[in-house]
Amino acid sequence: MGMVIISATGFIGMAWLYVSALLDPAPAPLHSVTWIDPAVILLVLVVFQLSGRRKGK
């Protein structure tokens, strides 16, 4: 149960940082991170999913 609470707290904290960055964007070079991070996270999740399917066969 403790791991669920810690994970939820981390998720809420990261979500708040992301929403805050969207509402009050950083200067130019750092602003792109707001859009690059979700794309990279999605790419990594897709790669993990595909590699898991490959090992399962």
N, C-alpha and C. Protein backbone atom coordinates (compact mmCIF):
# COMPACT_ATOMS: atom_id res chain seq x y z
N MET A 1 0.82 -1.20 0.00
CA MET A 1 0.00 0.00 0.00
C MET A 1 0.87 1.26 0.00
N GLY A 2 1.99 1.19 0.70
CA GLY A 2 2.88 2.34 0.76
C GLY A 2 3.44 2.71 -0.61
N MET A 3 3.73 1.68 -1.41
CA MET A 3 4.27 1.94 -2.74
C MET A 3 3.25 2.65 -3.62
N VAL A 4 1.98 2.32 -3.46
CA VAL A 4 0.92 2.97 -4.24
C VAL A 4 0.83 4.45 -3.85
N ILE A 5 0.91 4.73 -2.57
CA ILE A 5 0.84 6.11 -2.09
C ILE A 5 2.03 6.91 -2.59
N ILE A 6 3.21 6.33 -2.52
CA ILE A 6 4.41 7.02 -2.99
C ILE A 6 4.34 7.25 -4.49
N SER A 7 3.89 6.26 -5.24
CA SER A 7 3.77 6.40 -6.69
C SER A 7 2.74 7.48 -7.05
N ALA A 8 1.61 7.47 -6.36
CA ALA A 8 0.57 8.48 -6.63
C ALA A 8 1.09 9.88 -6.30
N THR A 9 1.82 10.00 -5.21
CA THR A 9 2.39 11.30 -4.84
C THR A 9 3.37 11.78 -5.90
N GLY A 10 4.22 10.88 -6.38
CA GLY A 10 5.16 11.25 -7.44
C GLY A 10 4.45 11.64 -8.72
N PHE A 11 3.41 10.90 -9.07
CA PHE A 11 2.64 11.22 -10.28
C PHE A 11 1.98 12.58 -10.16
N ILE A 12 1.38 12.86 -9.02
CA ILE A 12 0.71 14.14 -8.81
C ILE A 12 1.73 15.28 -8.86
N GLY A 13 2.90 15.07 -8.26
CA GLY A 13 3.95 16.09 -8.28
C GLY A 13 4.44 16.37 -9.70
N MET A 14 4.68 15.32 -10.47
CA MET A 14 5.14 15.51 -11.85
C MET A 14 4.05 16.13 -12.72
N ALA A 15 2.81 15.74 -12.50
CA ALA A 15 1.71 16.33 -13.26
C ALA A 15 1.59 17.82 -12.95
N TRP A 16 1.76 18.18 -11.68
CA TRP A 16 1.70 19.59 -11.31
C TRP A 16 2.83 20.38 -11.97
N LEU A 17 4.03 19.83 -12.00
CA LEU A 17 5.15 20.51 -12.66
C LEU A 17 4.86 20.71 -14.15
N TYR A 18 4.29 19.72 -14.79
CA TYR A 18 3.99 19.82 -16.21
C TYR A 18 2.91 20.86 -16.47
N VAL A 19 1.84 20.84 -15.68
CA VAL A 19 0.76 21.82 -15.85
C VAL A 19 1.29 23.22 -15.58
N SER A 20 2.11 23.36 -14.56
CA SER A 20 2.70 24.66 -14.23
C SER A 20 3.56 25.17 -15.38
N ALA A 21 4.30 24.28 -16.02
CA ALA A 21 5.13 24.69 -17.16
C ALA A 21 4.28 25.10 -18.35
N LEU A 22 3.12 24.50 -18.51
CA LEU A 22 2.22 24.90 -19.60
C LEU A 22 1.57 26.26 -19.32
N LEU A 23 1.22 26.51 -18.05
CA LEU A 23 0.56 27.76 -17.70
C LEU A 23 1.53 28.93 -17.66
N ASP A 24 2.75 28.67 -17.20
CA ASP A 24 3.75 29.73 -17.09
C ASP A 24 5.04 29.23 -17.74
N PRO A 25 5.12 29.30 -19.08
CA PRO A 25 6.26 28.71 -19.78
C PRO A 25 7.60 29.36 -19.44
N ALA A 26 8.63 28.58 -19.52
CA ALA A 26 9.99 29.04 -19.28
C ALA A 26 10.50 29.77 -20.53
N PRO A 27 11.66 30.41 -20.42
CA PRO A 27 12.25 31.05 -21.60
C PRO A 27 12.49 30.04 -22.73
N ALA A 28 12.79 30.55 -23.90
CA ALA A 28 12.84 29.79 -25.15
C ALA A 28 13.52 28.43 -25.11
N PRO A 29 14.76 28.27 -24.71
CA PRO A 29 15.35 26.92 -24.82
C PRO A 29 14.67 25.89 -23.93
N LEU A 30 14.25 26.31 -22.75
CA LEU A 30 13.63 25.36 -21.83
C LEU A 30 12.18 25.08 -22.17
N HIS A 31 11.54 25.97 -22.90
CA HIS A 31 10.13 25.79 -23.24
C HIS A 31 9.93 24.55 -24.12
N SER A 32 10.89 24.23 -24.94
CA SER A 32 10.75 23.06 -25.82
C SER A 32 10.72 21.76 -25.03
N VAL A 33 11.31 21.75 -23.84
CA VAL A 33 11.31 20.54 -23.01
C VAL A 33 9.89 20.15 -22.63
N THR A 34 9.02 21.13 -22.47
CA THR A 34 7.62 20.85 -22.12
C THR A 34 6.96 19.98 -23.17
N TRP A 35 7.37 20.09 -24.42
CA TRP A 35 6.76 19.31 -25.48
C TRP A 35 7.60 18.09 -25.87
N ILE A 36 8.90 18.15 -25.66
CA ILE A 36 9.77 17.03 -26.01
C ILE A 36 9.64 15.89 -25.01
N ASP A 37 9.55 16.21 -23.72
CA ASP A 37 9.48 15.17 -22.68
C ASP A 37 8.34 14.18 -22.90
N PRO A 38 7.09 14.62 -23.08
CA PRO A 38 6.02 13.64 -23.29
C PRO A 38 6.25 12.77 -24.53
N ALA A 39 6.82 13.36 -25.58
CA ALA A 39 7.07 12.59 -26.80
C ALA A 39 8.13 11.51 -26.54
N VAL A 40 9.17 11.85 -25.80
CA VAL A 40 10.22 10.88 -25.50
C VAL A 40 9.69 9.78 -24.58
N ILE A 41 8.90 10.16 -23.59
CA ILE A 41 8.32 9.17 -22.68
C ILE A 41 7.43 8.21 -23.46
N LEU A 42 6.61 8.73 -24.36
CA LEU A 42 5.75 7.87 -25.18
C LEU A 42 6.58 6.95 -26.07
N LEU A 43 7.64 7.47 -26.65
CA LEU A 43 8.52 6.66 -27.49
C LEU A 43 9.15 5.52 -26.70
N VAL A 44 9.62 5.82 -25.50
CA VAL A 44 10.23 4.78 -24.66
C VAL A 44 9.20 3.72 -24.28
N LEU A 45 7.98 4.14 -23.95
CA LEU A 45 6.94 3.17 -23.61
C LEU A 45 6.61 2.26 -24.80
N VAL A 46 6.55 2.83 -25.99
CA VAL A 46 6.29 2.03 -27.19
C VAL A 46 7.41 1.03 -27.42
N VAL A 47 8.66 1.47 -27.27
CA VAL A 47 9.80 0.57 -27.44
C VAL A 47 9.75 -0.56 -26.42
N PHE A 48 9.44 -0.25 -25.17
CA PHE A 48 9.33 -1.29 -24.15
C PHE A 48 8.22 -2.27 -24.49
N GLN A 49 7.09 -1.75 -24.96
CA GLN A 49 5.97 -2.62 -25.32
C GLN A 49 6.35 -3.55 -26.47
N LEU A 50 7.00 -3.01 -27.48
CA LEU A 50 7.40 -3.83 -28.63
C LEU A 50 8.46 -4.87 -28.23
N SER A 51 9.41 -4.49 -27.40
CA SER A 51 10.44 -5.45 -26.99
C SER A 51 9.84 -6.53 -26.09
N GLY A 52 8.85 -6.19 -25.31
CA GLY A 52 8.17 -7.19 -24.47
C GLY A 52 7.41 -8.19 -25.32
N ARG A 53 6.80 -7.73 -26.38
CA ARG A 53 6.07 -8.64 -27.28
C ARG A 53 7.02 -9.57 -28.01
N ARG A 54 8.19 -9.03 -28.37
CA ARG A 54 9.18 -9.84 -29.07
C ARG A 54 9.71 -10.96 -28.19
N LYS A 55 9.96 -10.66 -26.93
CA LYS A 55 10.47 -11.68 -26.01
C LYS A 55 9.40 -12.73 -25.72
N GLY A 56 8.13 -12.33 -25.75
CA GLY A 56 7.05 -13.25 -25.45
C GLY A 56 6.87 -14.33 -26.50
N LYS A 57 7.35 -14.10 -27.70
CA LYS A 57 7.17 -15.08 -28.79
C LYS A 57 8.14 -16.21 -28.72
